[in-house]
Each structure stands twice: as C-alpha cells, then as structure tokens.
Amino acid sequence: MEQDTLLGLLSATAAGDKQAFAALYKQTSGQLFAVSLKMLGRRELAEEALQEAYVKIWHNATEYQHGKGLVLTWMISIVRYRALDMLRYHKVRKEDQFEDGQEATFEAPMSDEGPDVTKTKLDDCMGELEPQQKQAIHLAYYNGLTHHEVVGHLDLPLGTIKSWIRRGLQQLQRCLTL
C-alpha cells in the first residue's frame, strides 16, 4: 500500500467519493483492525471501534494534513484514540471486560489476503523492529498508554520515547507496504 495511493483515496473521500472510501477501507481495514483488536482484546469491541473510526475518517478526511505524517499513521491514530476511549469508558464503569491474560485472536474484516496472512505480515514487521521501538509501540498502541505513561514505565526521557515510536511506526509503514 503506497502513500500516494492512500493519499489519492483519502482526497477523493474528502470530496465525497463513496467508491474511493470503500477502496480505502478495503486497503487499510486489516491493519487498522489489528491495532484495534490488539488494544481491546475482544473482537466485538474491536469491530465497534473500527466502525466508529471509519465513520470519523469519512467525516474528517478533509482534516488530514499531508505534511504532518502518512495517511495510514493518521488513520491508525484515529483507531487508537477510539480504542483508548472505549478502554477508559469500561475502566470507569469498572466493567471487567479486559481480563489480564485474555488472548485476542486476529481476524481481519474484508481482507482479500485473509486474516492469517495479514497477522503474519504484521507480526513479521514487528519482529524487525529494534527491541526498544517494539516495546514502546506495544506500550503506546497495544496497551493504550500515553507517551508520558510510557516514559514512566520505561524511565526514559520523553524525547527518546517519541523518537523510538516515530521511527518504529515509519519502519512498520515501510515494511507493511512491501
């Protein structure tokens, strides 16, 4: 998945092109679902977060700023924030829906490659990261910690954590688009 392709689809989506939005969904849903499922741990919650994220992407496509990052990174952040909102909601309500040790199974919606291929590729790409990058990304994106919480967890400067996460996400983007 190339940045130019996603940028074109997102631009067309911003203009109200439903077919472009469907193509954008088809090309990105597997990866975004993987992030959502990893964070939430339950398929039904991950699907709900993904659906709500795509609604937000549809309505806010005009807000994407090309110079501030990759389209996929922007989309992942929308999914991540929605998943974090859901985690906070369930935590506040003291619902025990996210048990420690609960293993999530990965199933990507509407993927031509199939869920196992998408998960394997994501796992392979994560395996190529430096251990520090991998740990920082896991804490921030999969465990839902803020950058400041990651700093507290790893006892490292904020700039270091942000750099590890940024470089790790860039490397993941390159790996996933191959």
N, C-alpha and C. Protein backbone atom coordinates (compact mmCIF):
# COMPACT_ATOMS: atom_id res chain seq x y z
N MET A 1 0.86 -1.16 0.00
CA MET A 1 0.00 0.00 0.00
C MET A 1 0.91 1.22 0.00
N GLU A 2 0.79 2.00 -1.00
CA GLU A 2 1.66 3.14 -1.19
C GLU A 2 1.00 4.41 -0.68
N GLN A 3 1.81 5.31 -0.12
CA GLN A 3 1.31 6.57 0.41
C GLN A 3 0.53 7.35 -0.64
N ASP A 4 1.04 7.40 -1.87
CA ASP A 4 0.35 8.16 -2.92
C ASP A 4 -1.03 7.59 -3.21
N THR A 5 -1.15 6.28 -3.20
CA THR A 5 -2.45 5.63 -3.44
C THR A 5 -3.42 5.99 -2.33
N LEU A 6 -2.96 5.86 -1.08
CA LEU A 6 -3.83 6.18 0.05
C LEU A 6 -4.18 7.66 0.08
N LEU A 7 -3.23 8.50 -0.28
CA LEU A 7 -3.49 9.93 -0.32
C LEU A 7 -4.56 10.26 -1.36
N GLY A 8 -4.47 9.62 -2.53
CA GLY A 8 -5.46 9.82 -3.57
C GLY A 8 -6.84 9.36 -3.13
N LEU A 9 -6.90 8.20 -2.47
CA LEU A 9 -8.18 7.68 -1.99
C LEU A 9 -8.77 8.57 -0.90
N LEU A 10 -7.90 9.05 0.00
CA LEU A 10 -8.39 9.92 1.06
C LEU A 10 -8.86 11.26 0.51
N SER A 11 -8.15 11.79 -0.47
CA SER A 11 -8.57 13.05 -1.10
C SER A 11 -9.93 12.89 -1.79
N ALA A 12 -10.10 11.78 -2.48
CA ALA A 12 -11.39 11.52 -3.14
C ALA A 12 -12.49 11.32 -2.10
N THR A 13 -12.14 10.67 -0.99
CA THR A 13 -13.09 10.50 0.11
C THR A 13 -13.51 11.86 0.66
N ALA A 14 -12.55 12.75 0.80
CA ALA A 14 -12.85 14.09 1.30
C ALA A 14 -13.83 14.82 0.38
N ALA A 15 -13.79 14.47 -0.90
CA ALA A 15 -14.70 15.08 -1.88
C ALA A 15 -16.05 14.35 -1.93
N GLY A 16 -16.21 13.32 -1.08
CA GLY A 16 -17.48 12.61 -1.01
C GLY A 16 -17.60 11.38 -1.89
N ASP A 17 -16.49 10.89 -2.43
CA ASP A 17 -16.48 9.72 -3.32
C ASP A 17 -16.60 8.44 -2.49
N LYS A 18 -17.77 7.82 -2.54
CA LYS A 18 -18.04 6.61 -1.75
C LYS A 18 -17.22 5.42 -2.22
N GLN A 19 -16.96 5.34 -3.53
CA GLN A 19 -16.16 4.23 -4.06
C GLN A 19 -14.71 4.34 -3.58
N ALA A 20 -14.20 5.55 -3.53
CA ALA A 20 -12.84 5.75 -3.03
C ALA A 20 -12.77 5.37 -1.55
N PHE A 21 -13.81 5.72 -0.80
CA PHE A 21 -13.84 5.37 0.61
C PHE A 21 -13.88 3.85 0.78
N ALA A 22 -14.66 3.17 -0.05
CA ALA A 22 -14.72 1.71 0.00
C ALA A 22 -13.35 1.10 -0.31
N ALA A 23 -12.66 1.67 -1.30
CA ALA A 23 -11.32 1.18 -1.65
C ALA A 23 -10.33 1.46 -0.51
N LEU A 24 -10.45 2.62 0.12
CA LEU A 24 -9.60 2.96 1.26
C LEU A 24 -9.83 1.96 2.40
N TYR A 25 -11.08 1.66 2.65
CA TYR A 25 -11.43 0.68 3.68
C TYR A 25 -10.82 -0.69 3.36
N LYS A 26 -10.99 -1.10 2.13
CA LYS A 26 -10.50 -2.42 1.73
C LYS A 26 -8.99 -2.53 1.89
N GLN A 27 -8.29 -1.45 1.58
CA GLN A 27 -6.82 -1.49 1.66
C GLN A 27 -6.28 -1.34 3.07
N THR A 28 -7.04 -0.75 3.98
CA THR A 28 -6.49 -0.44 5.31
C THR A 28 -7.16 -1.17 6.46
N SER A 29 -8.32 -1.75 6.24
CA SER A 29 -9.10 -2.29 7.35
C SER A 29 -8.38 -3.41 8.11
N GLY A 30 -7.64 -4.24 7.42
CA GLY A 30 -6.93 -5.32 8.10
C GLY A 30 -5.92 -4.80 9.11
N GLN A 31 -5.15 -3.81 8.70
CA GLN A 31 -4.13 -3.26 9.60
C GLN A 31 -4.77 -2.48 10.75
N LEU A 32 -5.80 -1.72 10.45
CA LEU A 32 -6.45 -0.94 11.50
C LEU A 32 -7.18 -1.86 12.48
N PHE A 33 -7.78 -2.92 11.96
CA PHE A 33 -8.44 -3.88 12.84
C PHE A 33 -7.44 -4.55 13.75
N ALA A 34 -6.25 -4.85 13.23
CA ALA A 34 -5.20 -5.48 14.05
C ALA A 34 -4.84 -4.59 15.24
N VAL A 35 -4.72 -3.30 15.01
CA VAL A 35 -4.40 -2.36 16.09
C VAL A 35 -5.54 -2.34 17.11
N SER A 36 -6.76 -2.23 16.61
CA SER A 36 -7.94 -2.17 17.48
C SER A 36 -8.08 -3.44 18.31
N LEU A 37 -7.93 -4.57 17.67
CA LEU A 37 -8.08 -5.85 18.38
C LEU A 37 -6.98 -6.05 19.41
N LYS A 38 -5.78 -5.67 19.06
CA LYS A 38 -4.66 -5.82 19.98
C LYS A 38 -4.89 -4.97 21.23
N MET A 39 -5.42 -3.76 21.03
CA MET A 39 -5.66 -2.87 22.17
C MET A 39 -6.85 -3.31 23.02
N LEU A 40 -7.92 -3.73 22.37
CA LEU A 40 -9.17 -4.02 23.09
C LEU A 40 -9.31 -5.47 23.51
N GLY A 41 -8.68 -6.38 22.79
CA GLY A 41 -8.69 -7.78 23.19
C GLY A 41 -9.96 -8.56 22.89
N ARG A 42 -11.00 -7.89 22.45
CA ARG A 42 -12.26 -8.57 22.15
C ARG A 42 -12.72 -8.16 20.77
N ARG A 43 -13.05 -9.15 19.98
CA ARG A 43 -13.42 -8.92 18.58
C ARG A 43 -14.58 -7.94 18.44
N GLU A 44 -15.64 -8.12 19.22
CA GLU A 44 -16.82 -7.26 19.04
C GLU A 44 -16.50 -5.80 19.38
N LEU A 45 -15.67 -5.57 20.39
CA LEU A 45 -15.28 -4.20 20.73
C LEU A 45 -14.34 -3.63 19.67
N ALA A 46 -13.45 -4.47 19.16
CA ALA A 46 -12.53 -4.02 18.12
C ALA A 46 -13.28 -3.65 16.85
N GLU A 47 -14.30 -4.43 16.51
CA GLU A 47 -15.11 -4.12 15.33
C GLU A 47 -15.87 -2.81 15.53
N GLU A 48 -16.39 -2.61 16.72
CA GLU A 48 -17.12 -1.37 17.02
C GLU A 48 -16.18 -0.16 16.92
N ALA A 49 -14.99 -0.29 17.49
CA ALA A 49 -14.02 0.81 17.42
C ALA A 49 -13.62 1.09 15.98
N LEU A 50 -13.44 0.03 15.21
CA LEU A 50 -13.06 0.19 13.80
C LEU A 50 -14.16 0.89 13.01
N GLN A 51 -15.39 0.47 13.23
CA GLN A 51 -16.52 1.08 12.53
C GLN A 51 -16.61 2.57 12.87
N GLU A 52 -16.52 2.89 14.14
CA GLU A 52 -16.60 4.29 14.56
C GLU A 52 -15.43 5.10 14.01
N ALA A 53 -14.26 4.48 13.94
CA ALA A 53 -13.09 5.17 13.39
C ALA A 53 -13.29 5.48 11.90
N TYR A 54 -13.84 4.54 11.16
CA TYR A 54 -14.07 4.79 9.74
C TYR A 54 -15.15 5.85 9.51
N VAL A 55 -16.12 5.92 10.39
CA VAL A 55 -17.11 7.00 10.29
C VAL A 55 -16.41 8.34 10.49
N LYS A 56 -15.51 8.38 11.46
CA LYS A 56 -14.76 9.61 11.72
C LYS A 56 -13.84 9.94 10.54
N ILE A 57 -13.21 8.94 9.97
CA ILE A 57 -12.35 9.15 8.80
C ILE A 57 -13.17 9.72 7.65
N TRP A 58 -14.36 9.18 7.42
CA TRP A 58 -15.24 9.68 6.35
C TRP A 58 -15.57 11.16 6.58
N HIS A 59 -15.95 11.49 7.81
CA HIS A 59 -16.36 12.86 8.11
C HIS A 59 -15.19 13.84 8.21
N ASN A 60 -14.01 13.35 8.53
CA ASN A 60 -12.87 14.24 8.77
C ASN A 60 -11.75 14.09 7.75
N ALA A 61 -12.03 13.48 6.62
CA ALA A 61 -11.00 13.27 5.60
C ALA A 61 -10.36 14.58 5.15
N THR A 62 -11.11 15.66 5.18
CA THR A 62 -10.56 16.96 4.76
C THR A 62 -9.56 17.50 5.76
N GLU A 63 -9.53 16.97 6.97
CA GLU A 63 -8.63 17.47 8.01
C GLU A 63 -7.23 16.88 7.94
N TYR A 64 -7.03 15.82 7.15
CA TYR A 64 -5.71 15.22 7.03
C TYR A 64 -4.74 16.25 6.44
N GLN A 65 -3.57 16.37 7.07
CA GLN A 65 -2.54 17.30 6.61
C GLN A 65 -1.35 16.50 6.12
N HIS A 66 -1.11 16.57 4.82
CA HIS A 66 -0.08 15.77 4.16
C HIS A 66 1.30 15.93 4.80
N GLY A 67 1.66 17.12 5.18
CA GLY A 67 2.99 17.37 5.73
C GLY A 67 3.20 16.87 7.14
N LYS A 68 2.15 16.45 7.81
CA LYS A 68 2.27 16.04 9.21
C LYS A 68 2.39 14.54 9.42
N GLY A 69 2.40 13.77 8.36
CA GLY A 69 2.55 12.33 8.52
C GLY A 69 1.85 11.55 7.42
N LEU A 70 2.02 10.25 7.48
CA LEU A 70 1.45 9.36 6.48
C LEU A 70 -0.05 9.17 6.70
N VAL A 71 -0.76 8.89 5.62
CA VAL A 71 -2.20 8.65 5.71
C VAL A 71 -2.49 7.51 6.67
N LEU A 72 -1.77 6.40 6.54
CA LEU A 72 -2.02 5.24 7.40
C LEU A 72 -1.76 5.59 8.86
N THR A 73 -0.74 6.36 9.13
CA THR A 73 -0.45 6.76 10.50
C THR A 73 -1.59 7.61 11.06
N TRP A 74 -2.11 8.52 10.25
CA TRP A 74 -3.25 9.34 10.66
C TRP A 74 -4.46 8.46 10.96
N MET A 75 -4.71 7.49 10.11
CA MET A 75 -5.85 6.59 10.31
C MET A 75 -5.66 5.72 11.55
N ILE A 76 -4.45 5.23 11.77
CA ILE A 76 -4.16 4.41 12.95
C ILE A 76 -4.40 5.24 14.21
N SER A 77 -4.01 6.51 14.19
CA SER A 77 -4.21 7.33 15.38
C SER A 77 -5.70 7.50 15.68
N ILE A 78 -6.53 7.59 14.66
CA ILE A 78 -7.98 7.70 14.88
C ILE A 78 -8.50 6.42 15.52
N VAL A 79 -8.08 5.27 15.01
CA VAL A 79 -8.49 3.99 15.60
C VAL A 79 -7.98 3.88 17.03
N ARG A 80 -6.74 4.26 17.23
CA ARG A 80 -6.13 4.17 18.56
C ARG A 80 -6.89 5.02 19.57
N TYR A 81 -7.20 6.26 19.20
CA TYR A 81 -7.93 7.13 20.13
C TYR A 81 -9.32 6.59 20.44
N ARG A 82 -9.97 6.01 19.44
CA ARG A 82 -11.29 5.43 19.68
C ARG A 82 -11.17 4.24 20.63
N ALA A 83 -10.17 3.40 20.42
CA ALA A 83 -9.96 2.25 21.31
C ALA A 83 -9.63 2.71 22.73
N LEU A 84 -8.82 3.75 22.85
CA LEU A 84 -8.50 4.29 24.17
C LEU A 84 -9.74 4.81 24.87
N ASP A 85 -10.60 5.49 24.11
CA ASP A 85 -11.87 5.97 24.68
C ASP A 85 -12.69 4.81 25.22
N MET A 86 -12.73 3.74 24.46
CA MET A 86 -13.51 2.57 24.88
C MET A 86 -12.89 1.93 26.13
N LEU A 87 -11.55 1.85 26.16
CA LEU A 87 -10.88 1.30 27.34
C LEU A 87 -11.18 2.14 28.57
N ARG A 88 -11.10 3.45 28.43
CA ARG A 88 -11.38 4.35 29.56
C ARG A 88 -12.83 4.22 30.01
N TYR A 89 -13.74 4.14 29.08
CA TYR A 89 -15.16 4.00 29.41
C TYR A 89 -15.40 2.74 30.24
N HIS A 90 -14.84 1.63 29.79
CA HIS A 90 -15.05 0.37 30.50
C HIS A 90 -14.32 0.37 31.85
N LYS A 91 -13.19 1.06 31.92
CA LYS A 91 -12.46 1.15 33.18
C LYS A 91 -13.24 1.99 34.19
N VAL A 92 -13.77 3.11 33.73
CA VAL A 92 -14.57 3.98 34.61
C VAL A 92 -15.80 3.25 35.10
N ARG A 93 -16.42 2.49 34.24
CA ARG A 93 -17.63 1.74 34.61
C ARG A 93 -17.29 0.48 35.38
N LYS A 94 -15.98 0.23 35.53
CA LYS A 94 -15.48 -0.93 36.27
C LYS A 94 -16.00 -2.23 35.70
N GLU A 95 -16.11 -2.27 34.40
CA GLU A 95 -16.52 -3.49 33.74
C GLU A 95 -15.29 -4.34 33.51
N ASP A 96 -15.36 -5.56 33.89
CA ASP A 96 -14.23 -6.45 33.79
C ASP A 96 -14.25 -7.14 32.43
N GLN A 97 -14.12 -6.36 31.38
CA GLN A 97 -14.16 -6.93 30.05
C GLN A 97 -12.78 -7.15 29.47
N PHE A 98 -11.78 -6.67 30.16
CA PHE A 98 -10.42 -6.76 29.63
C PHE A 98 -9.56 -7.49 30.64
N GLU A 99 -9.76 -8.77 30.74
CA GLU A 99 -9.06 -9.57 31.73
C GLU A 99 -7.59 -9.72 31.35
N ASP A 100 -6.71 -9.73 32.37
CA ASP A 100 -5.30 -10.00 32.12
C ASP A 100 -5.18 -11.41 31.58
N GLY A 101 -4.32 -11.58 30.66
CA GLY A 101 -4.11 -12.90 30.11
C GLY A 101 -5.12 -13.31 29.06
N GLN A 102 -6.09 -12.47 28.80
CA GLN A 102 -7.07 -12.79 27.75
C GLN A 102 -6.36 -12.63 26.41
N GLU A 103 -6.33 -13.66 25.65
CA GLU A 103 -5.65 -13.62 24.36
C GLU A 103 -6.63 -13.26 23.27
N ALA A 104 -6.26 -12.31 22.46
CA ALA A 104 -7.09 -11.91 21.33
C ALA A 104 -6.70 -12.74 20.12
N THR A 105 -7.68 -13.15 19.37
CA THR A 105 -7.40 -13.81 18.11
C THR A 105 -7.62 -12.80 17.01
N PHE A 106 -6.79 -12.86 16.01
CA PHE A 106 -6.85 -11.87 14.95
C PHE A 106 -7.67 -12.38 13.79
N GLU A 107 -8.67 -11.61 13.41
CA GLU A 107 -9.44 -11.89 12.22
C GLU A 107 -9.73 -10.56 11.55
N ALA A 108 -9.15 -10.34 10.41
CA ALA A 108 -9.33 -9.06 9.72
C ALA A 108 -10.61 -9.08 8.89
N PRO A 109 -11.41 -8.02 8.96
CA PRO A 109 -12.61 -7.97 8.16
C PRO A 109 -12.30 -7.64 6.71
N MET A 110 -13.03 -8.23 5.81
CA MET A 110 -12.95 -7.91 4.38
C MET A 110 -11.52 -7.87 3.83
N SER A 111 -10.73 -8.85 4.12
CA SER A 111 -9.36 -8.87 3.61
C SER A 111 -9.25 -9.93 2.52
N ASP A 112 -8.74 -9.54 1.37
CA ASP A 112 -8.54 -10.49 0.28
C ASP A 112 -7.47 -11.52 0.64
N GLU A 113 -6.48 -11.10 1.42
CA GLU A 113 -5.39 -11.98 1.77
C GLU A 113 -5.79 -12.98 2.85
N GLY A 114 -6.75 -12.65 3.65
CA GLY A 114 -7.16 -13.50 4.75
C GLY A 114 -6.48 -13.06 6.02
N PRO A 115 -7.10 -13.37 7.16
CA PRO A 115 -6.60 -12.88 8.44
C PRO A 115 -5.23 -13.40 8.81
N ASP A 116 -4.93 -14.66 8.50
CA ASP A 116 -3.65 -15.22 8.90
C ASP A 116 -2.50 -14.54 8.16
N VAL A 117 -2.69 -14.23 6.88
CA VAL A 117 -1.64 -13.57 6.11
C VAL A 117 -1.40 -12.17 6.65
N THR A 118 -2.47 -11.43 6.94
CA THR A 118 -2.33 -10.07 7.45
C THR A 118 -1.65 -10.08 8.81
N LYS A 119 -2.06 -10.98 9.70
CA LYS A 119 -1.46 -11.06 11.03
C LYS A 119 0.00 -11.47 10.93
N THR A 120 0.29 -12.42 10.08
CA THR A 120 1.66 -12.88 9.91
C THR A 120 2.54 -11.74 9.42
N LYS A 121 2.06 -10.96 8.47
CA LYS A 121 2.85 -9.85 7.96
C LYS A 121 3.09 -8.81 9.04
N LEU A 122 2.06 -8.49 9.81
CA LEU A 122 2.21 -7.53 10.90
C LEU A 122 3.20 -8.06 11.94
N ASP A 123 3.06 -9.33 12.30
CA ASP A 123 3.99 -9.93 13.26
C ASP A 123 5.42 -9.92 12.72
N ASP A 124 5.60 -10.25 11.44
CA ASP A 124 6.94 -10.23 10.84
C ASP A 124 7.52 -8.82 10.87
N CYS A 125 6.71 -7.83 10.54
CA CYS A 125 7.19 -6.44 10.55
C CYS A 125 7.53 -5.99 11.97
N MET A 126 6.70 -6.36 12.94
CA MET A 126 7.00 -6.01 14.33
C MET A 126 8.31 -6.68 14.77
N GLY A 127 8.56 -7.88 14.28
CA GLY A 127 9.78 -8.60 14.62
C GLY A 127 11.04 -7.94 14.09
N GLU A 128 10.91 -7.11 13.07
CA GLU A 128 12.06 -6.42 12.50
C GLU A 128 12.44 -5.16 13.27
N LEU A 129 11.61 -4.72 14.18
CA LEU A 129 11.89 -3.51 14.95
C LEU A 129 12.97 -3.77 15.99
N GLU A 130 13.65 -2.69 16.37
CA GLU A 130 14.59 -2.76 17.50
C GLU A 130 13.77 -3.07 18.75
N PRO A 131 14.34 -3.77 19.71
CA PRO A 131 13.58 -4.13 20.91
C PRO A 131 12.97 -2.92 21.63
N GLN A 132 13.71 -1.80 21.69
CA GLN A 132 13.18 -0.61 22.37
C GLN A 132 11.98 -0.04 21.61
N GLN A 133 12.07 0.00 20.28
CA GLN A 133 10.96 0.50 19.47
C GLN A 133 9.74 -0.39 19.65
N LYS A 134 9.96 -1.67 19.59
CA LYS A 134 8.88 -2.64 19.73
C LYS A 134 8.18 -2.48 21.08
N GLN A 135 8.96 -2.35 22.15
CA GLN A 135 8.39 -2.22 23.48
C GLN A 135 7.61 -0.91 23.61
N ALA A 136 8.17 0.19 23.11
CA ALA A 136 7.49 1.49 23.19
C ALA A 136 6.18 1.47 22.39
N ILE A 137 6.21 0.88 21.20
CA ILE A 137 4.99 0.79 20.38
C ILE A 137 3.95 -0.10 21.05
N HIS A 138 4.38 -1.21 21.60
CA HIS A 138 3.43 -2.09 22.31
C HIS A 138 2.77 -1.36 23.47
N LEU A 139 3.57 -0.64 24.24
CA LEU A 139 3.01 0.07 25.39
C LEU A 139 2.04 1.16 24.94
N ALA A 140 2.42 1.90 23.89
CA ALA A 140 1.59 3.03 23.45
C ALA A 140 0.38 2.58 22.65
N TYR A 141 0.56 1.70 21.69
CA TYR A 141 -0.53 1.38 20.78
C TYR A 141 -1.33 0.16 21.18
N TYR A 142 -0.69 -0.82 21.78
CA TYR A 142 -1.42 -2.02 22.13
C TYR A 142 -1.94 -1.99 23.57
N ASN A 143 -1.18 -1.34 24.46
CA ASN A 143 -1.63 -1.25 25.85
C ASN A 143 -2.35 0.06 26.13
N GLY A 144 -2.33 0.97 25.17
CA GLY A 144 -3.09 2.21 25.30
C GLY A 144 -2.48 3.25 26.21
N LEU A 145 -1.19 3.17 26.48
CA LEU A 145 -0.55 4.16 27.33
C LEU A 145 -0.25 5.44 26.55
N THR A 146 -0.30 6.57 27.23
CA THR A 146 0.12 7.83 26.62
C THR A 146 1.65 7.85 26.58
N HIS A 147 2.21 8.80 25.84
CA HIS A 147 3.67 8.91 25.80
C HIS A 147 4.23 9.15 27.20
N HIS A 148 3.56 9.96 27.98
CA HIS A 148 4.03 10.24 29.35
C HIS A 148 3.96 8.98 30.22
N GLU A 149 2.96 8.16 30.03
CA GLU A 149 2.87 6.91 30.79
C GLU A 149 3.97 5.94 30.36
N VAL A 150 4.30 5.93 29.07
CA VAL A 150 5.41 5.09 28.59
C VAL A 150 6.71 5.56 29.22
N VAL A 151 6.89 6.88 29.32
CA VAL A 151 8.08 7.45 29.97
C VAL A 151 8.19 6.92 31.39
N GLY A 152 7.08 6.97 32.13
CA GLY A 152 7.08 6.48 33.50
C GLY A 152 7.36 4.98 33.58
N HIS A 153 6.85 4.26 32.63
CA HIS A 153 7.04 2.80 32.63
C HIS A 153 8.48 2.41 32.31
N LEU A 154 9.08 3.10 31.32
CA LEU A 154 10.43 2.74 30.88
C LEU A 154 11.51 3.58 31.55
N ASP A 155 11.11 4.65 32.26
CA ASP A 155 12.04 5.54 32.95
C ASP A 155 13.09 6.11 32.00
N LEU A 156 12.59 6.65 30.88
CA LEU A 156 13.44 7.28 29.87
C LEU A 156 12.87 8.65 29.52
N PRO A 157 13.68 9.52 28.92
CA PRO A 157 13.18 10.85 28.56
C PRO A 157 12.07 10.78 27.50
N LEU A 158 11.16 11.77 27.55
CA LEU A 158 10.03 11.84 26.63
C LEU A 158 10.49 11.87 25.17
N GLY A 159 11.52 12.66 24.88
CA GLY A 159 12.04 12.76 23.51
C GLY A 159 12.50 11.42 22.97
N THR A 160 13.14 10.63 23.81
CA THR A 160 13.60 9.30 23.41
C THR A 160 12.41 8.40 23.06
N ILE A 161 11.41 8.42 23.92
CA ILE A 161 10.22 7.58 23.69
C ILE A 161 9.53 7.99 22.39
N LYS A 162 9.34 9.30 22.20
CA LYS A 162 8.68 9.77 20.98
C LYS A 162 9.49 9.39 19.75
N SER A 163 10.81 9.49 19.81
CA SER A 163 11.65 9.12 18.67
C SER A 163 11.56 7.64 18.36
N TRP A 164 11.62 6.80 19.39
CA TRP A 164 11.50 5.36 19.18
C TRP A 164 10.17 5.02 18.53
N ILE A 165 9.11 5.61 19.03
CA ILE A 165 7.78 5.31 18.48
C ILE A 165 7.68 5.81 17.05
N ARG A 166 8.11 7.04 16.79
CA ARG A 166 8.02 7.60 15.44
C ARG A 166 8.83 6.77 14.45
N ARG A 167 10.08 6.47 14.79
CA ARG A 167 10.91 5.67 13.87
C ARG A 167 10.36 4.26 13.71
N GLY A 168 9.85 3.69 14.77
CA GLY A 168 9.27 2.36 14.69
C GLY A 168 8.04 2.32 13.80
N LEU A 169 7.18 3.33 13.92
CA LEU A 169 5.99 3.39 13.06
C LEU A 169 6.37 3.62 11.60
N GLN A 170 7.39 4.42 11.36
CA GLN A 170 7.86 4.63 9.99
C GLN A 170 8.38 3.32 9.40
N GLN A 171 9.14 2.57 10.21
CA GLN A 171 9.66 1.29 9.73
C GLN A 171 8.53 0.30 9.49
N LEU A 172 7.53 0.29 10.35
CA LEU A 172 6.38 -0.59 10.15
C LEU A 172 5.65 -0.23 8.87
N GLN A 173 5.47 1.06 8.62
CA GLN A 173 4.80 1.51 7.40
C GLN A 173 5.54 1.02 6.16
N ARG A 174 6.87 1.19 6.16
CA ARG A 174 7.65 0.72 5.01
C ARG A 174 7.53 -0.79 4.84
N CYS A 175 7.61 -1.51 5.93
CA CYS A 175 7.54 -2.97 5.87
C CYS A 175 6.17 -3.45 5.39
N LEU A 176 5.11 -2.83 5.88
CA LEU A 176 3.77 -3.26 5.52
C LEU A 176 3.39 -2.91 4.09
N THR A 177 4.06 -1.94 3.50
CA THR A 177 3.72 -1.56 2.13
C THR A 177 4.50 -2.37 1.10
N LEU A 178 5.42 -3.19 1.52
CA LEU A 178 6.18 -4.03 0.58
C LEU A 178 5.37 -5.17 0.07
